[in-house]
Amino acid sequence: MAHVITDECISCGACAGECPVGAISEGDGKYEIDAATCIDCGACAGACPTGAAQPE
């Protein structure tokens, strides 16, 4: 199951820099995770200062 980024995202980009497969990109007002690419490793959740990156 992929991780998702909630509306608590502040668009800091910390999660994108930690994703080992490049599944995270800047979206409209917040970052987004490509579910087809995400390997559910949780690196993004550990890097997110607001807790916006969470398991789906």
C-alpha atoms as a PDB file:
ATOM      1  CA  MET A   1       0.000   0.000   0.000  1.00  0.00           C
ATOM      2  CA  ALA A   2       1.364   3.431  -0.923  1.00  0.00           C
ATOM      3  CA  HIS A   3       1.852   6.405   1.358  1.00  0.00           C
ATOM      4  CA  VAL A   4      -0.159   9.593   0.815  1.00  0.00           C
ATOM      5  CA  ILE A   5       0.419  13.249   1.614  1.00  0.00           C
ATOM      6  CA  THR A   6      -2.388  14.975   3.494  1.00  0.00           C
ATOM      7  CA  ASP A   7      -3.464  18.614   3.495  1.00  0.00           C
ATOM      8  CA  GLU A   8      -1.077  19.307   6.391  1.00  0.00           C
ATOM      9  CA  CYS A   9       1.706  19.475   3.753  1.00  0.00           C
ATOM     10  CA  ILE A  10       3.577  22.798   3.812  1.00  0.00           C
ATOM     11  CA  SER A  11       5.388  22.117   0.505  1.00  0.00           C
ATOM     12  CA  CYS A  12       8.836  22.101   2.102  1.00  0.00           C
ATOM     13  CA  GLY A  13      10.107  19.255  -0.108  1.00  0.00           C
ATOM     14  CA  ALA A  14      11.743  17.286   2.705  1.00  0.00           C
ATOM     15  CA  CYS A  15       9.855  14.132   1.732  1.00  0.00           C
ATOM     16  CA  ALA A  16      10.825  14.316  -1.937  1.00  0.00           C
ATOM     17  CA  GLY A  17      14.507  14.434  -1.064  1.00  0.00           C
ATOM     18  CA  GLU A  18      14.219  11.252   1.020  1.00  0.00           C
ATOM     19  CA  CYS A  19      12.216   9.109  -1.411  1.00  0.00           C
ATOM     20  CA  PRO A  20      14.567   6.405  -2.770  1.00  0.00           C
ATOM     21  CA  VAL A  21      12.444   5.779  -5.890  1.00  0.00           C
ATOM     22  CA  GLY A  22      11.484   9.357  -6.815  1.00  0.00           C
ATOM     23  CA  ALA A  23       7.768   8.796  -6.267  1.00  0.00           C
ATOM     24  CA  ILE A  24       7.160  12.267  -4.795  1.00  0.00           C
ATOM     25  CA  SER A  25       6.677  15.421  -6.837  1.00  0.00           C
ATOM     26  CA  GLU A  26       5.371  18.917  -6.276  1.00  0.00           C
ATOM     27  CA  GLY A  27       1.658  19.133  -6.940  1.00  0.00           C
ATOM     28  CA  ASP A  28      -0.904  21.903  -6.786  1.00  0.00           C
ATOM     29  CA  GLY A  29      -0.445  23.386  -3.316  1.00  0.00           C
ATOM     30  CA  LYS A  30       1.193  20.297  -1.800  1.00  0.00           C
ATOM     31  CA  TYR A  31       3.477  17.421  -2.691  1.00  0.00           C
ATOM     32  CA  GLU A  32       2.015  14.221  -4.133  1.00  0.00           C
ATOM     33  CA  ILE A  33       3.070  10.569  -4.096  1.00  0.00           C
ATOM     34  CA  ASP A  34       2.720   8.430  -7.204  1.00  0.00           C
ATOM     35  CA  ALA A  35       1.081   5.292  -5.797  1.00  0.00           C
ATOM     36  CA  ALA A  36       2.308   3.169  -8.717  1.00  0.00           C
ATOM     37  CA  THR A  37       5.939   4.054  -7.944  1.00  0.00           C
ATOM     38  CA  CYS A  38       5.821   4.153  -4.119  1.00  0.00           C
ATOM     39  CA  ILE A  39       7.450   1.138  -2.439  1.00  0.00           C
ATOM     40  CA  ASP A  40       5.896   1.928   0.970  1.00  0.00           C
ATOM     41  CA  CYS A  41       9.257   2.283   2.706  1.00  0.00           C
ATOM     42  CA  GLY A  42       8.170   5.157   4.964  1.00  0.00           C
ATOM     43  CA  ALA A  43      11.222   7.349   4.340  1.00  0.00           C
ATOM     44  CA  CYS A  44       8.918  10.246   3.488  1.00  0.00           C
ATOM     45  CA  ALA A  45       6.986   9.909   6.734  1.00  0.00           C
ATOM     46  CA  GLY A  46      10.186  10.037   8.734  1.00  0.00           C
ATOM     47  CA  ALA A  47      11.335  13.185   6.927  1.00  0.00           C
ATOM     48  CA  CYS A  48       8.059  15.145   7.055  1.00  0.00           C
ATOM     49  CA  PRO A  49       8.123  17.869   9.738  1.00  0.00           C
ATOM     50  CA  THR A  50       4.316  18.144   9.869  1.00  0.00           C
ATOM     51  CA  GLY A  51       3.398  14.449   9.699  1.00  0.00           C
ATOM     52  CA  ALA A  52       1.611  14.947   6.377  1.00  0.00           C
ATOM     53  CA  ALA A  53       3.176  11.851   4.775  1.00  0.00           C
ATOM     54  CA  GLN A  54       1.262   8.851   6.091  1.00  0.00           C
ATOM     55  CA  PRO A  55       0.436   5.264   5.146  1.00  0.00           C
ATOM     56  CA  GLU A  56      -2.720   5.113   3.017  1.00  0.00           C
END
